[in-house]
C-alpha atoms as a PDB file:
ATOM      1  CA  UNK A   1       4.350  25.072   6.925  1.00  0.00           C
ATOM      2  CA  UNK A   2       4.780  22.136   9.318  1.00  0.00           C
ATOM      3  CA  UNK A   3       8.011  19.823   8.950  1.00  0.00           C
ATOM      4  CA  UNK A   4       5.943  16.777   8.621  1.00  0.00           C
ATOM      5  CA  UNK A   5       4.439  18.641   5.600  1.00  0.00           C
ATOM      6  CA  UNK A   6       7.518  19.786   3.850  1.00  0.00           C
ATOM      7  CA  UNK A   7       9.076  16.239   4.236  1.00  0.00           C
ATOM      8  CA  UNK A   8       5.863  14.717   2.620  1.00  0.00           C
ATOM      9  CA  UNK A   9       5.545  17.141  -0.424  1.00  0.00           C
ATOM     10  CA  UNK A  10       8.866  16.962  -1.294  1.00  0.00           C
ATOM     11  CA  UNK A  11       8.824  13.183  -1.391  1.00  0.00           C
ATOM     12  CA  UNK A  12       5.215  12.641  -3.217  1.00  0.00           C
ATOM     13  CA  UNK A  13       5.076  16.362  -4.951  1.00  0.00           C
ATOM     14  CA  UNK A  14       2.391  18.739  -4.621  1.00  0.00           C
ATOM     15  CA  UNK A  15      -1.404  17.711  -3.785  1.00  0.00           C
ATOM     16  CA  UNK A  16      -3.718  17.125  -6.581  1.00  0.00           C
ATOM     17  CA  UNK A  17      -6.111  19.990  -7.364  1.00  0.00           C
ATOM     18  CA  UNK A  18      -9.709  19.276  -6.505  1.00  0.00           C
ATOM     19  CA  UNK A  19     -10.862  18.899 -10.317  1.00  0.00           C
ATOM     20  CA  UNK A  20      -8.321  15.875 -11.121  1.00  0.00           C
ATOM     21  CA  UNK A  21      -9.579  13.622  -7.953  1.00  0.00           C
ATOM     22  CA  UNK A  22     -12.469  12.564 -10.646  1.00  0.00           C
ATOM     23  CA  UNK A  23     -10.000  11.597 -13.261  1.00  0.00           C
ATOM     24  CA  UNK A  24      -7.593   9.637 -10.966  1.00  0.00           C
ATOM     25  CA  UNK A  25     -10.612   7.766  -8.746  1.00  0.00           C
ATOM     26  CA  UNK A  26     -10.805   3.941  -9.054  1.00  0.00           C
ATOM     27  CA  UNK A  27     -14.495   2.505  -9.667  1.00  0.00           C
ATOM     28  CA  UNK A  28     -15.334   0.408  -6.572  1.00  0.00           C
ATOM     29  CA  UNK A  29     -14.627  -3.173  -8.825  1.00  0.00           C
ATOM     30  CA  UNK A  30     -11.436  -1.953 -10.445  1.00  0.00           C
ATOM     31  CA  UNK A  31     -10.219  -1.143  -6.950  1.00  0.00           C
ATOM     32  CA  UNK A  32     -11.546  -4.088  -5.231  1.00  0.00           C
ATOM     33  CA  UNK A  33      -8.897  -6.370  -7.535  1.00  0.00           C
ATOM     34  CA  UNK A  34      -6.198  -3.892  -7.445  1.00  0.00           C
ATOM     35  CA  UNK A  35      -6.068  -3.588  -3.620  1.00  0.00           C
ATOM     36  CA  UNK A  36      -7.402  -7.067  -2.681  1.00  0.00           C
ATOM     37  CA  UNK A  37      -4.816  -9.063  -4.619  1.00  0.00           C
ATOM     38  CA  UNK A  38      -2.085  -7.044  -2.671  1.00  0.00           C
ATOM     39  CA  UNK A  39      -3.589  -8.123   0.715  1.00  0.00           C
ATOM     40  CA  UNK A  40      -3.967 -11.816  -0.611  1.00  0.00           C
ATOM     41  CA  UNK A  41      -0.082 -11.894  -1.631  1.00  0.00           C
ATOM     42  CA  UNK A  42       0.493 -10.026   1.668  1.00  0.00           C
ATOM     43  CA  UNK A  43      -1.104 -12.371   3.434  1.00  0.00           C
ATOM     44  CA  UNK A  44       0.763 -15.793   1.433  1.00  0.00           C
ATOM     45  CA  UNK A  45       3.874 -13.972   1.907  1.00  0.00           C
ATOM     46  CA  UNK A  46       3.413 -13.867   5.865  1.00  0.00           C
ATOM     47  CA  UNK A  47       2.580 -17.238   6.348  1.00  0.00           C
ATOM     48  CA  UNK A  48       5.114 -18.551   4.014  1.00  0.00           C
ATOM     49  CA  UNK A  49       7.573 -16.019   6.367  1.00  0.00           C
ATOM     50  CA  UNK A  50       6.140 -17.548   9.907  1.00  0.00           C
ATOM     51  CA  UNK A  51       6.907 -21.429   8.814  1.00  0.00           C
ATOM     52  CA  UNK A  52      10.424 -20.394   8.025  1.00  0.00           C
ATOM     53  CA  UNK A  53      11.196 -18.927  11.100  1.00  0.00           C
ATOM     54  CA  UNK A  54       9.379 -21.818  12.624  1.00  0.00           C
ATOM     55  CA  UNK A  55      11.223 -24.181  11.157  1.00  0.00           C
ATOM     56  CA  UNK A  56      14.568 -22.622  11.800  1.00  0.00           C
ATOM     57  CA  UNK A  57      14.049 -22.207  15.751  1.00  0.00           C
ATOM     58  CA  UNK A  58      13.124 -26.053  15.707  1.00  0.00           C
ATOM     59  CA  UNK A  59      16.334 -26.904  13.943  1.00  0.00           C
END
């Protein structure tokens, strides 16, 4: 076993068997709702942090 695979398996656990993928998979609308909110919050946070750095640099 490769070292990176061993570390990944120790951190995340064993991979799911192929039969479990169907139960764990999100539908497109559900995935869009979950993942797009994360992207939107990340963009909003990044803009806030950039403004903070610019304000502090201008002071």
